[in-house]
Amino acid sequence: MRYRELVAPFGAGQRPTESELEDDFLNLVIRRYGLPVPVRQHPVGRRWIDFAYPELVLGIEIESVRAHAAREDVHRNAQKANELLAWWILRFAYDDIHRWPEETAELIDRTIARRRRAA
């Protein structure tokens, strides 16, 4: 990847992703299937959503066993879910991104359409 491609999102006000799996999600699902690019690491109160469409109150969390397996992580994620009840949150893991990216993209696309109709 070229330097310009690496720094372009930051010039556009985007925060960096926090894992390779999040990078894979952007490349293998969002960009490959032409979905609207979500905001990365979107703040909601004292929490951050991995990816968000703030105008739709729709978030996407990328679940990684490596990043979320400890007891503290389970507790933190439960608290986070309780604090984000106003948001629709889609959750995806490794297989959703690497084995079934088309189905994942279709679910995101359908959910975006539903949220737009509800707005």
PDB file of N, CA and C in Angstrom:
ATOM      1  N   MET A   1       0.849  -1.168   0.000  1.00  0.00           N
ATOM      2  CA  MET A   1       0.000   0.000   0.000  1.00  0.00           C
ATOM      3  C   MET A   1       0.898   1.235   0.000  1.00  0.00           C
ATOM      4  N   ARG A   2       0.513   2.229  -0.750  1.00  0.00           N
ATOM      5  CA  ARG A   2       1.292   3.462  -0.842  1.00  0.00           C
ATOM      6  C   ARG A   2       1.030   4.368   0.343  1.00  0.00           C
ATOM      7  N   TYR A   3       2.007   5.240   0.595  1.00  0.00           N
ATOM      8  CA  TYR A   3       1.913   6.194   1.704  1.00  0.00           C
ATOM      9  C   TYR A   3       0.633   7.018   1.611  1.00  0.00           C
ATOM     10  N   ARG A   4       0.305   7.496   0.436  1.00  0.00           N
ATOM     11  CA  ARG A   4      -0.891   8.333   0.252  1.00  0.00           C
ATOM     12  C   ARG A   4      -2.159   7.574   0.663  1.00  0.00           C
ATOM     13  N   GLU A   5      -2.239   6.290   0.310  1.00  0.00           N
ATOM     14  CA  GLU A   5      -3.404   5.480   0.674  1.00  0.00           C
ATOM     15  C   GLU A   5      -3.481   5.265   2.186  1.00  0.00           C
ATOM     16  N   LEU A   6      -2.320   5.192   2.817  1.00  0.00           N
ATOM     17  CA  LEU A   6      -2.298   4.979   4.265  1.00  0.00           C
ATOM     18  C   LEU A   6      -2.736   6.211   5.042  1.00  0.00           C
ATOM     19  N   VAL A   7      -2.324   7.388   4.582  1.00  0.00           N
ATOM     20  CA  VAL A   7      -2.619   8.600   5.350  1.00  0.00           C
ATOM     21  C   VAL A   7      -3.891   9.308   4.921  1.00  0.00           C
ATOM     22  N   ALA A   8      -4.448   8.981   3.771  1.00  0.00           N
ATOM     23  CA  ALA A   8      -5.641   9.672   3.274  1.00  0.00           C
ATOM     24  C   ALA A   8      -6.792   9.690   4.273  1.00  0.00           C
ATOM     25  N   PRO A   9      -7.125   8.568   4.936  1.00  0.00           N
ATOM     26  CA  PRO A   9      -8.246   8.612   5.874  1.00  0.00           C
ATOM     27  C   PRO A   9      -8.035   9.594   7.023  1.00  0.00           C
ATOM     28  N   PHE A  10      -6.795   9.775   7.455  1.00  0.00           N
ATOM     29  CA  PHE A  10      -6.542  10.667   8.585  1.00  0.00           C
ATOM     30  C   PHE A  10      -6.690  12.120   8.160  1.00  0.00           C
ATOM     31  N   GLY A  11      -6.320  12.411   6.919  1.00  0.00           N
ATOM     32  CA  GLY A  11      -6.520  13.752   6.394  1.00  0.00           C
ATOM     33  C   GLY A  11      -7.992  14.077   6.278  1.00  0.00           C
ATOM     34  N   ALA A  12      -8.815  13.055   6.116  1.00  0.00           N
ATOM     35  CA  ALA A  12     -10.257  13.245   6.003  1.00  0.00           C
ATOM     36  C   ALA A  12     -10.931  13.246   7.378  1.00  0.00           C
ATOM     37  N   GLY A  13     -10.129  13.266   8.450  1.00  0.00           N
ATOM     38  CA  GLY A  13     -10.686  13.316   9.792  1.00  0.00           C
ATOM     39  C   GLY A  13     -11.040  11.968  10.381  1.00  0.00           C
ATOM     40  N   GLN A  14     -10.644  10.898   9.730  1.00  0.00           N
ATOM     41  CA  GLN A  14     -10.959   9.551  10.219  1.00  0.00           C
ATOM     42  C   GLN A  14      -9.916   9.115  11.245  1.00  0.00           C
ATOM     43  N   ARG A  15     -10.372   8.386  12.242  1.00  0.00           N
ATOM     44  CA  ARG A  15      -9.468   7.757  13.204  1.00  0.00           C
ATOM     45  C   ARG A  15      -8.977   6.449  12.607  1.00  0.00           C
ATOM     46  N   PRO A  16      -7.835   5.950  13.057  1.00  0.00           N
ATOM     47  CA  PRO A  16      -7.355   4.674  12.542  1.00  0.00           C
ATOM     48  C   PRO A  16      -8.195   3.512  13.064  1.00  0.00           C
ATOM     49  N   THR A  17      -8.148   2.410  12.343  1.00  0.00           N
ATOM     50  CA  THR A  17      -8.767   1.188  12.854  1.00  0.00           C
ATOM     51  C   THR A  17      -7.897   0.677  13.997  1.00  0.00           C
ATOM     52  N   GLU A  18      -8.424  -0.298  14.746  1.00  0.00           N
ATOM     53  CA  GLU A  18      -7.681  -0.790  15.903  1.00  0.00           C
ATOM     54  C   GLU A  18      -7.195  -2.228  15.756  1.00  0.00           C
ATOM     55  N   SER A  19      -7.394  -2.827  14.580  1.00  0.00           N
ATOM     56  CA  SER A  19      -6.927  -4.203  14.405  1.00  0.00           C
ATOM     57  C   SER A  19      -6.857  -4.548  12.919  1.00  0.00           C
ATOM     58  N   GLU A  20      -6.131  -5.617  12.627  1.00  0.00           N
ATOM     59  CA  GLU A  20      -6.081  -6.116  11.252  1.00  0.00           C
ATOM     60  C   GLU A  20      -7.459  -6.580  10.796  1.00  0.00           C
ATOM     61  N   LEU A  21      -8.221  -7.158  11.722  1.00  0.00           N
ATOM     62  CA  LEU A  21      -9.554  -7.627  11.365  1.00  0.00           C
ATOM     63  C   LEU A  21     -10.455  -6.454  10.963  1.00  0.00           C
ATOM     64  N   GLU A  22     -10.311  -5.324  11.625  1.00  0.00           N
ATOM     65  CA  GLU A  22     -11.067  -4.134  11.230  1.00  0.00           C
ATOM     66  C   GLU A  22     -10.625  -3.651   9.846  1.00  0.00           C
ATOM     67  N   ASP A  23      -9.319  -3.688   9.573  1.00  0.00           N
ATOM     68  CA  ASP A  23      -8.828  -3.336   8.235  1.00  0.00           C
ATOM     69  C   ASP A  23      -9.414  -4.285   7.190  1.00  0.00           C
ATOM     70  N   ASP A  24      -9.406  -5.577   7.515  1.00  0.00           N
ATOM     71  CA  ASP A  24      -9.973  -6.569   6.598  1.00  0.00           C
ATOM     72  C   ASP A  24     -11.446  -6.287   6.335  1.00  0.00           C
ATOM     73  N   PHE A  25     -12.184  -5.924   7.377  1.00  0.00           N
ATOM     74  CA  PHE A  25     -13.601  -5.608   7.217  1.00  0.00           C
ATOM     75  C   PHE A  25     -13.788  -4.471   6.207  1.00  0.00           C
ATOM     76  N   LEU A  26     -13.005  -3.416   6.358  1.00  0.00           N
ATOM     77  CA  LEU A  26     -13.116  -2.293   5.419  1.00  0.00           C
ATOM     78  C   LEU A  26     -12.821  -2.720   3.983  1.00  0.00           C
ATOM     79  N   ASN A  27     -11.764  -3.505   3.810  1.00  0.00           N
ATOM     80  CA  ASN A  27     -11.344  -3.883   2.462  1.00  0.00           C
ATOM     81  C   ASN A  27     -12.189  -4.993   1.851  1.00  0.00           C
ATOM     82  N   LEU A  28     -12.490  -6.029   2.628  1.00  0.00           N
ATOM     83  CA  LEU A  28     -13.152  -7.210   2.078  1.00  0.00           C
ATOM     84  C   LEU A  28     -14.672  -7.111   2.050  1.00  0.00           C
ATOM     85  N   VAL A  29     -15.228  -6.220   2.835  1.00  0.00           N
ATOM     86  CA  VAL A  29     -16.686  -6.087   2.880  1.00  0.00           C
ATOM     87  C   VAL A  29     -17.123  -4.708   2.380  1.00  0.00           C
ATOM     88  N   ILE A  30     -16.696  -3.667   3.046  1.00  0.00           N
ATOM     89  CA  ILE A  30     -17.190  -2.316   2.732  1.00  0.00           C
ATOM     90  C   ILE A  30     -16.751  -1.876   1.332  1.00  0.00           C
ATOM     91  N   ARG A  31     -15.465  -1.851   1.098  1.00  0.00           N
ATOM     92  CA  ARG A  31     -14.960  -1.349  -0.191  1.00  0.00           C
ATOM     93  C   ARG A  31     -15.272  -2.301  -1.344  1.00  0.00           C
ATOM     94  N   ARG A  32     -15.061  -3.591  -1.130  1.00  0.00           N
ATOM     95  CA  ARG A  32     -15.271  -4.570  -2.210  1.00  0.00           C
ATOM     96  C   ARG A  32     -16.705  -4.532  -2.728  1.00  0.00           C
ATOM     97  N   TYR A  33     -17.670  -4.339  -1.825  1.00  0.00           N
ATOM     98  CA  TYR A  33     -19.080  -4.380  -2.234  1.00  0.00           C
ATOM     99  C   TYR A  33     -19.704  -2.998  -2.372  1.00  0.00           C
ATOM    100  N   GLY A  34     -18.868  -1.954  -2.332  1.00  0.00           N
ATOM    101  CA  GLY A  34     -19.338  -0.604  -2.621  1.00  0.00           C
ATOM    102  C   GLY A  34     -20.299  -0.023  -1.605  1.00  0.00           C
ATOM    103  N   LEU A  35     -20.173  -0.445  -0.353  1.00  0.00           N
ATOM    104  CA  LEU A  35     -21.034   0.108   0.693  1.00  0.00           C
ATOM    105  C   LEU A  35     -20.534   1.486   1.117  1.00  0.00           C
ATOM    106  N   PRO A  36     -21.414   2.307   1.669  1.00  0.00           N
ATOM    107  CA  PRO A  36     -20.953   3.597   2.184  1.00  0.00           C
ATOM    108  C   PRO A  36     -19.901   3.367   3.274  1.00  0.00           C
ATOM    109  N   VAL A  37     -18.840   4.156   3.227  1.00  0.00           N
ATOM    110  CA  VAL A  37     -17.757   3.984   4.195  1.00  0.00           C
ATOM    111  C   VAL A  37     -18.199   4.566   5.544  1.00  0.00           C
ATOM    112  N   PRO A  38     -18.192   3.746   6.589  1.00  0.00           N
ATOM    113  CA  PRO A  38     -18.604   4.224   7.905  1.00  0.00           C
ATOM    114  C   PRO A  38     -17.501   5.025   8.591  1.00  0.00           C
ATOM    115  N   VAL A  39     -17.887   5.752   9.608  1.00  0.00           N
ATOM    116  CA  VAL A  39     -16.935   6.465  10.460  1.00  0.00           C
ATOM    117  C   VAL A  39     -16.237   5.431  11.331  1.00  0.00           C
ATOM    118  N   ARG A  40     -14.926   5.532  11.432  1.00  0.00           N
ATOM    119  CA  ARG A  40     -14.161   4.605  12.271  1.00  0.00           C
ATOM    120  C   ARG A  40     -14.043   5.148  13.683  1.00  0.00           C
ATOM    121  N   GLN A  41     -14.141   4.249  14.668  1.00  0.00           N
ATOM    122  CA  GLN A  41     -13.948   4.596  16.076  1.00  0.00           C
ATOM    123  C   GLN A  41     -14.783   5.818  16.458  1.00  0.00           C
ATOM    124  N   HIS A  42     -16.075   5.685  16.281  1.00  0.00           N
ATOM    125  CA  HIS A  42     -17.013   6.783  16.539  1.00  0.00           C
ATOM    126  C   HIS A  42     -17.344   6.863  18.028  1.00  0.00           C
ATOM    127  N   PRO A  43     -17.160   8.049  18.641  1.00  0.00           N
ATOM    128  CA  PRO A  43     -17.459   8.176  20.070  1.00  0.00           C
ATOM    129  C   PRO A  43     -18.956   8.320  20.338  1.00  0.00           C
ATOM    130  N   VAL A  44     -19.412   7.586  21.344  1.00  0.00           N
ATOM    131  CA  VAL A  44     -20.786   7.711  21.837  1.00  0.00           C
ATOM    132  C   VAL A  44     -20.659   7.727  23.350  1.00  0.00           C
ATOM    133  N   GLY A  45     -20.864   8.889  23.945  1.00  0.00           N
ATOM    134  CA  GLY A  45     -20.643   9.016  25.383  1.00  0.00           C
ATOM    135  C   GLY A  45     -19.191   8.712  25.689  1.00  0.00           C
ATOM    136  N   ARG A  46     -18.975   7.795  26.620  1.00  0.00           N
ATOM    137  CA  ARG A  46     -17.597   7.425  26.961  1.00  0.00           C
ATOM    138  C   ARG A  46     -17.138   6.157  26.247  1.00  0.00           C
ATOM    139  N   ARG A  47     -17.914   5.709  25.288  1.00  0.00           N
ATOM    140  CA  ARG A  47     -17.609   4.496  24.526  1.00  0.00           C
ATOM    141  C   ARG A  47     -17.253   4.845  23.080  1.00  0.00           C
ATOM    142  N   TRP A  48     -16.653   3.886  22.404  1.00  0.00           N
ATOM    143  CA  TRP A  48     -16.322   4.030  20.990  1.00  0.00           C
ATOM    144  C   TRP A  48     -16.924   2.848  20.243  1.00  0.00           C
ATOM    145  N   ILE A  49     -17.521   3.117  19.092  1.00  0.00           N
ATOM    146  CA  ILE A  49     -18.052   2.068  18.233  1.00  0.00           C
ATOM    147  C   ILE A  49     -17.035   1.872  17.112  1.00  0.00           C
ATOM    148  N   ASP A  50     -16.704   0.614  16.808  1.00  0.00           N
ATOM    149  CA  ASP A  50     -15.683   0.333  15.790  1.00  0.00           C
ATOM    150  C   ASP A  50     -15.981   1.063  14.484  1.00  0.00           C
ATOM    151  N   PHE A  51     -17.196   0.933  13.999  1.00  0.00           N
ATOM    152  CA  PHE A  51     -17.625   1.609  12.765  1.00  0.00           C
ATOM    153  C   PHE A  51     -19.046   2.109  12.985  1.00  0.00           C
ATOM    154  N   ALA A  52     -19.349   3.280  12.443  1.00  0.00           N
ATOM    155  CA  ALA A  52     -20.689   3.822  12.661  1.00  0.00           C
ATOM    156  C   ALA A  52     -21.170   4.625  11.463  1.00  0.00           C
ATOM    157  N   TYR A  53     -22.486   4.602  11.320  1.00  0.00           N
ATOM    158  CA  TYR A  53     -23.206   5.498  10.429  1.00  0.00           C
ATOM    159  C   TYR A  53     -24.020   6.377  11.384  1.00  0.00           C
ATOM    160  N   PRO A  54     -23.404   7.432  11.926  1.00  0.00           N
ATOM    161  CA  PRO A  54     -24.058   8.215  12.988  1.00  0.00           C
ATOM    162  C   PRO A  54     -25.426   8.762  12.609  1.00  0.00           C
ATOM    163  N   GLU A  55     -25.592   9.170  11.344  1.00  0.00           N
ATOM    164  CA  GLU A  55     -26.867   9.748  10.922  1.00  0.00           C
ATOM    165  C   GLU A  55     -27.989   8.711  10.953  1.00  0.00           C
ATOM    166  N   LEU A  56     -27.626   7.427  10.952  1.00  0.00           N
ATOM    167  CA  LEU A  56     -28.609   6.349  11.002  1.00  0.00           C
ATOM    168  C   LEU A  56     -28.691   5.693  12.381  1.00  0.00           C
ATOM    169  N   VAL A  57     -27.850   6.138  13.294  1.00  0.00           N
ATOM    170  CA  VAL A  57     -27.736   5.530  14.623  1.00  0.00           C
ATOM    171  C   VAL A  57     -27.523   4.021  14.465  1.00  0.00           C
ATOM    172  N   LEU A  58     -26.574   3.692  13.584  1.00  0.00           N
ATOM    173  CA  LEU A  58     -26.235   2.316  13.258  1.00  0.00           C
ATOM    174  C   LEU A  58     -24.740   2.115  13.456  1.00  0.00           C
ATOM    175  N   GLY A  59     -24.392   1.119  14.233  1.00  0.00           N
ATOM    176  CA  GLY A  59     -22.990   0.828  14.489  1.00  0.00           C
ATOM    177  C   GLY A  59     -22.632  -0.588  14.099  1.00  0.00           C
ATOM    178  N   ILE A  60     -21.339  -0.804  13.903  1.00  0.00           N
ATOM    179  CA  ILE A  60     -20.814  -2.130  13.589  1.00  0.00           C
ATOM    180  C   ILE A  60     -19.645  -2.404  14.515  1.00  0.00           C
ATOM    181  N   GLU A  61     -19.717  -3.527  15.191  1.00  0.00           N
ATOM    182  CA  GLU A  61     -18.637  -3.959  16.073  1.00  0.00           C
ATOM    183  C   GLU A  61     -17.979  -5.189  15.456  1.00  0.00           C
ATOM    184  N   ILE A  62     -16.677  -5.199  15.461  1.00  0.00           N
ATOM    185  CA  ILE A  62     -15.910  -6.330  14.958  1.00  0.00           C
ATOM    186  C   ILE A  62     -15.431  -7.109  16.171  1.00  0.00           C
ATOM    187  N   GLU A  63     -15.878  -8.362  16.248  1.00  0.00           N
ATOM    188  CA  GLU A  63     -15.577  -9.205  17.399  1.00  0.00           C
ATOM    189  C   GLU A  63     -14.394 -10.114  17.094  1.00  0.00           C
ATOM    190  N   SER A  64     -13.388 -10.011  17.919  1.00  0.00           N
ATOM    191  CA  SER A  64     -12.193 -10.822  17.746  1.00  0.00           C
ATOM    192  C   SER A  64     -11.925 -11.605  19.019  1.00  0.00           C
ATOM    193  N   VAL A  65     -11.713 -12.900  18.882  1.00  0.00           N
ATOM    194  CA  VAL A  65     -11.388 -13.716  20.057  1.00  0.00           C
ATOM    195  C   VAL A  65     -10.113 -13.194  20.691  1.00  0.00           C
ATOM    196  N   ARG A  66      -9.162 -12.823  19.871  1.00  0.00           N
ATOM    197  CA  ARG A  66      -7.885 -12.316  20.380  1.00  0.00           C
ATOM    198  C   ARG A  66      -8.083 -11.040  21.200  1.00  0.00           C
ATOM    199  N   ALA A  67      -8.963 -10.172  20.754  1.00  0.00           N
ATOM    200  CA  ALA A  67      -9.131  -8.880  21.416  1.00  0.00           C
ATOM    201  C   ALA A  67     -10.200  -8.867  22.497  1.00  0.00           C
ATOM    202  N   HIS A  68     -11.076  -9.880  22.543  1.00  0.00           N
ATOM    203  CA  HIS A  68     -12.214  -9.820  23.454  1.00  0.00           C
ATOM    204  C   HIS A  68     -12.389 -11.067  24.313  1.00  0.00           C
ATOM    205  N   ALA A  69     -11.337 -11.826  24.519  1.00  0.00           N
ATOM    206  CA  ALA A  69     -11.497 -13.112  25.203  1.00  0.00           C
ATOM    207  C   ALA A  69     -11.342 -13.037  26.719  1.00  0.00           C
ATOM    208  N   ALA A  70     -10.705 -12.017  27.228  1.00  0.00           N
ATOM    209  CA  ALA A  70     -10.472 -11.930  28.666  1.00  0.00           C
ATOM    210  C   ALA A  70     -11.759 -11.567  29.410  1.00  0.00           C
ATOM    211  N   ARG A  71     -11.822 -11.965  30.670  1.00  0.00           N
ATOM    212  CA  ARG A  71     -12.980 -11.690  31.509  1.00  0.00           C
ATOM    213  C   ARG A  71     -13.316 -10.198  31.539  1.00  0.00           C
ATOM    214  N   GLU A  72     -12.289  -9.363  31.637  1.00  0.00           N
ATOM    215  CA  GLU A  72     -12.506  -7.905  31.663  1.00  0.00           C
ATOM    216  C   GLU A  72     -13.153  -7.429  30.365  1.00  0.00           C
ATOM    217  N   ASP A  73     -12.762  -8.041  29.248  1.00  0.00           N
ATOM    218  CA  ASP A  73     -13.329  -7.658  27.958  1.00  0.00           C
ATOM    219  C   ASP A  73     -14.809  -8.012  27.872  1.00  0.00           C
ATOM    220  N   VAL A  74     -15.165  -9.177  28.381  1.00  0.00           N
ATOM    221  CA  VAL A  74     -16.570  -9.596  28.382  1.00  0.00           C
ATOM    222  C   VAL A  74     -17.389  -8.615  29.210  1.00  0.00           C
ATOM    223  N   HIS A  75     -16.892  -8.241  30.379  1.00  0.00           N
ATOM    224  CA  HIS A  75     -17.589  -7.284  31.247  1.00  0.00           C
ATOM    225  C   HIS A  75     -17.701  -5.918  30.562  1.00  0.00           C
ATOM    226  N   ARG A  76     -16.598  -5.437  29.982  1.00  0.00           N
ATOM    227  CA  ARG A  76     -16.602  -4.135  29.309  1.00  0.00           C
ATOM    228  C   ARG A  76     -17.587  -4.138  28.143  1.00  0.00           C
ATOM    229  N   ASN A  77     -17.619  -5.236  27.381  1.00  0.00           N
ATOM    230  CA  ASN A  77     -18.541  -5.307  26.235  1.00  0.00           C
ATOM    231  C   ASN A  77     -19.996  -5.351  26.682  1.00  0.00           C
ATOM    232  N   ALA A  78     -20.271  -6.002  27.804  1.00  0.00           N
ATOM    233  CA  ALA A  78     -21.641  -6.020  28.328  1.00  0.00           C
ATOM    234  C   ALA A  78     -22.059  -4.613  28.746  1.00  0.00           C
ATOM    235  N   GLN A  79     -21.187  -3.903  29.442  1.00  0.00           N
ATOM    236  CA  GLN A  79     -21.496  -2.517  29.823  1.00  0.00           C
ATOM    237  C   GLN A  79     -21.710  -1.651  28.592  1.00  0.00           C
ATOM    238  N   LYS A  80     -20.841  -1.825  27.604  1.00  0.00           N
ATOM    239  CA  LYS A  80     -20.944  -1.037  26.374  1.00  0.00           C
ATOM    240  C   LYS A  80     -22.286  -1.284  25.694  1.00  0.00           C
ATOM    241  N   ALA A  81     -22.694  -2.543  25.591  1.00  0.00           N
ATOM    242  CA  ALA A  81     -23.977  -2.870  24.963  1.00  0.00           C
ATOM    243  C   ALA A  81     -25.129  -2.196  25.699  1.00  0.00           C
ATOM    244  N   ASN A  82     -25.072  -2.187  27.011  1.00  0.00           N
ATOM    245  CA  ASN A  82     -26.133  -1.560  27.797  1.00  0.00           C
ATOM    246  C   ASN A  82     -26.175  -0.054  27.611  1.00  0.00           C
ATOM    247  N   GLU A  83     -25.032   0.567  27.376  1.00  0.00           N
ATOM    248  CA  GLU A  83     -24.980   2.016  27.191  1.00  0.00           C
ATOM    249  C   GLU A  83     -25.362   2.445  25.772  1.00  0.00           C
ATOM    250  N   LEU A  84     -25.381   1.501  24.847  1.00  0.00           N
ATOM    251  CA  LEU A  84     -25.669   1.831  23.448  1.00  0.00           C
ATOM    252  C   LEU A  84     -27.033   1.320  22.992  1.00  0.00           C
ATOM    253  N   LEU A  85     -27.989   1.250  23.908  1.00  0.00           N
ATOM    254  CA  LEU A  85     -29.296   0.695  23.570  1.00  0.00           C
ATOM    255  C   LEU A  85     -30.038   1.482  22.493  1.00  0.00           C
ATOM    256  N   ALA A  86     -29.746   2.769  22.375  1.00  0.00           N
ATOM    257  CA  ALA A  86     -30.403   3.575  21.350  1.00  0.00           C
ATOM    258  C   ALA A  86     -29.878   3.260  19.947  1.00  0.00           C
ATOM    259  N   TRP A  87     -28.745   2.604  19.882  1.00  0.00           N
ATOM    260  CA  TRP A  87     -28.113   2.279  18.607  1.00  0.00           C
ATOM    261  C   TRP A  87     -28.478   0.879  18.160  1.00  0.00           C
ATOM    262  N   TRP A  88     -28.596   0.695  16.847  1.00  0.00           N
ATOM    263  CA  TRP A  88     -28.626  -0.640  16.266  1.00  0.00           C
ATOM    264  C   TRP A  88     -27.172  -1.024  16.057  1.00  0.00           C
ATOM    265  N   ILE A  89     -26.761  -2.132  16.611  1.00  0.00           N
ATOM    266  CA  ILE A  89     -25.373  -2.577  16.495  1.00  0.00           C
ATOM    267  C   ILE A  89     -25.335  -3.935  15.795  1.00  0.00           C
ATOM    268  N   LEU A  90     -24.638  -3.987  14.676  1.00  0.00           N
ATOM    269  CA  LEU A  90     -24.364  -5.250  13.995  1.00  0.00           C
ATOM    270  C   LEU A  90     -23.008  -5.741  14.488  1.00  0.00           C
ATOM    271  N   ARG A  91     -22.881  -7.048  14.672  1.00  0.00           N
ATOM    272  CA  ARG A  91     -21.626  -7.628  15.157  1.00  0.00           C
ATOM    273  C   ARG A  91     -21.138  -8.677  14.165  1.00  0.00           C
ATOM    274  N   PHE A  92     -19.857  -8.554  13.809  1.00  0.00           N
ATOM    275  CA  PHE A  92     -19.270  -9.491  12.873  1.00  0.00           C
ATOM    276  C   PHE A  92     -17.951 -10.021  13.416  1.00  0.00           C
ATOM    277  N   ALA A  93     -17.665 -11.270  13.066  1.00  0.00           N
ATOM    278  CA  ALA A  93     -16.430 -11.930  13.486  1.00  0.00           C
ATOM    279  C   ALA A  93     -15.640 -12.349  12.239  1.00  0.00           C
ATOM    280  N   TYR A  94     -14.549 -13.024  12.480  1.00  0.00           N
ATOM    281  CA  TYR A  94     -13.605 -13.402  11.428  1.00  0.00           C
ATOM    282  C   TYR A  94     -14.298 -14.078  10.237  1.00  0.00           C
ATOM    283  N   ASP A  95     -15.094 -15.107  10.488  1.00  0.00           N
ATOM    284  CA  ASP A  95     -15.727 -15.835   9.386  1.00  0.00           C
ATOM    285  C   ASP A  95     -16.681 -14.961   8.585  1.00  0.00           C
ATOM    286  N   ASP A  96     -17.377 -14.051   9.244  1.00  0.00           N
ATOM    287  CA  ASP A  96     -18.271 -13.139   8.532  1.00  0.00           C
ATOM    288  C   ASP A  96     -17.502 -12.303   7.506  1.00  0.00           C
ATOM    289  N   ILE A  97     -16.285 -11.954   7.858  1.00  0.00           N
ATOM    290  CA  ILE A  97     -15.461 -11.082   7.026  1.00  0.00           C
ATOM    291  C   ILE A  97     -14.697 -11.879   5.975  1.00  0.00           C
ATOM    292  N   HIS A  98     -14.146 -13.022   6.359  1.00  0.00           N
ATOM    293  CA  HIS A  98     -13.265 -13.783   5.469  1.00  0.00           C
ATOM    294  C   HIS A  98     -13.961 -14.899   4.699  1.00  0.00           C
ATOM    295  N   ARG A  99     -14.959 -15.527   5.275  1.00  0.00           N
ATOM    296  CA  ARG A  99     -15.620 -16.643   4.596  1.00  0.00           C
ATOM    297  C   ARG A  99     -16.918 -16.226   3.919  1.00  0.00           C
ATOM    298  N   TRP A 100     -17.624 -15.276   4.514  1.00  0.00           N
ATOM    299  CA  TRP A 100     -18.940 -14.883   3.999  1.00  0.00           C
ATOM    300  C   TRP A 100     -19.042 -13.365   3.798  1.00  0.00           C
ATOM    301  N   PRO A 101     -18.079 -12.749   3.122  1.00  0.00           N
ATOM    302  CA  PRO A 101     -18.131 -11.280   2.993  1.00  0.00           C
ATOM    303  C   PRO A 101     -19.340 -10.790   2.200  1.00  0.00           C
ATOM    304  N   GLU A 102     -19.767 -11.543   1.191  1.00  0.00           N
ATOM    305  CA  GLU A 102     -20.917 -11.103   0.397  1.00  0.00           C
ATOM    306  C   GLU A 102     -22.184 -11.071   1.237  1.00  0.00           C
ATOM    307  N   GLU A 103     -22.405 -12.125   2.037  1.00  0.00           N
ATOM    308  CA  GLU A 103     -23.582 -12.162   2.913  1.00  0.00           C
ATOM    309  C   GLU A 103     -23.515 -11.059   3.968  1.00  0.00           C
ATOM    310  N   THR A 104     -22.318 -10.806   4.464  1.00  0.00           N
ATOM    311  CA  THR A 104     -22.135  -9.734   5.451  1.00  0.00           C
ATOM    312  C   THR A 104     -22.470  -8.389   4.829  1.00  0.00           C
ATOM    313  N   ALA A 105     -21.970  -8.148   3.619  1.00  0.00           N
ATOM    314  CA  ALA A 105     -22.254  -6.894   2.919  1.00  0.00           C
ATOM    315  C   ALA A 105     -23.751  -6.747   2.650  1.00  0.00           C
ATOM    316  N   GLU A 106     -24.406  -7.831   2.256  1.00  0.00           N
ATOM    317  CA  GLU A 106     -25.853  -7.777   2.000  1.00  0.00           C
ATOM    318  C   GLU A 106     -26.628  -7.425   3.266  1.00  0.00           C
ATOM    319  N   LEU A 107     -26.226  -7.995   4.401  1.00  0.00           N
ATOM    320  CA  LEU A 107     -26.893  -7.668   5.670  1.00  0.00           C
ATOM    321  C   LEU A 107     -26.700  -6.196   6.022  1.00  0.00           C
ATOM    322  N   ILE A 108     -25.506  -5.696   5.847  1.00  0.00           N
ATOM    323  CA  ILE A 108     -25.251  -4.275   6.131  1.00  0.00           C
ATOM    324  C   ILE A 108     -26.086  -3.406   5.211  1.00  0.00           C
ATOM    325  N   ASP A 109     -26.110  -3.734   3.931  1.00  0.00           N
ATOM    326  CA  ASP A 109     -26.876  -2.961   2.959  1.00  0.00           C
ATOM    327  C   ASP A 109     -28.362  -2.946   3.309  1.00  0.00           C
ATOM    328  N   ARG A 110     -28.921  -4.120   3.644  1.00  0.00           N
ATOM    329  CA  ARG A 110     -30.342  -4.198   4.038  1.00  0.00           C
ATOM    330  C   ARG A 110     -30.607  -3.388   5.306  1.00  0.00           C
ATOM    331  N   THR A 111     -29.684  -3.443   6.245  1.00  0.00           N
ATOM    332  CA  THR A 111     -29.879  -2.724   7.510  1.00  0.00           C
ATOM    333  C   THR A 111     -29.806  -1.218   7.291  1.00  0.00           C
ATOM    334  N   ILE A 112     -28.884  -0.765   6.456  1.00  0.00           N
ATOM    335  CA  ILE A 112     -28.825   0.650   6.113  1.00  0.00           C
ATOM    336  C   ILE A 112     -30.143   1.095   5.487  1.00  0.00           C
ATOM    337  N   ALA A 113     -30.669   0.309   4.584  1.00  0.00           N
ATOM    338  CA  ALA A 113     -31.947   0.639   3.927  1.00  0.00           C
ATOM    339  C   ALA A 113     -33.082   0.716   4.956  1.00  0.00           C
ATOM    340  N   ARG A 114     -33.125  -0.223   5.875  1.00  0.00           N
ATOM    341  CA  ARG A 114     -34.163  -0.194   6.922  1.00  0.00           C
ATOM    342  C   ARG A 114     -34.046   1.048   7.790  1.00  0.00           C
ATOM    343  N   ARG A 115     -32.817   1.387   8.169  1.00  0.00           N
ATOM    344  CA  ARG A 115     -32.620   2.573   9.012  1.00  0.00           C
ATOM    345  C   ARG A 115     -33.004   3.851   8.257  1.00  0.00           C
ATOM    346  N   ARG A 116     -32.696   3.910   6.973  1.00  0.00           N
ATOM    347  CA  ARG A 116     -33.070   5.095   6.180  1.00  0.00           C
ATOM    348  C   ARG A 116     -34.592   5.229   6.089  1.00  0.00           C
ATOM    349  N   ARG A 117     -35.277   4.101   5.907  1.00  0.00           N
ATOM    350  CA  ARG A 117     -36.745   4.154   5.850  1.00  0.00           C
ATOM    351  C   ARG A 117     -37.332   4.584   7.182  1.00  0.00           C
ATOM    352  N   ALA A 118     -36.710   4.187   8.275  1.00  0.00           N
ATOM    353  CA  ALA A 118     -37.228   4.520   9.614  1.00  0.00           C
ATOM    354  C   ALA A 118     -36.944   5.970   9.986  1.00  0.00           C
ATOM    355  N   ALA A 119     -35.966   6.583   9.332  1.00  0.00           N
ATOM    356  CA  ALA A 119     -35.587   7.966   9.697  1.00  0.00           C
ATOM    357  C   ALA A 119     -36.561   8.988   9.156  1.00  0.00           C
TER     358      ALA A 119
END
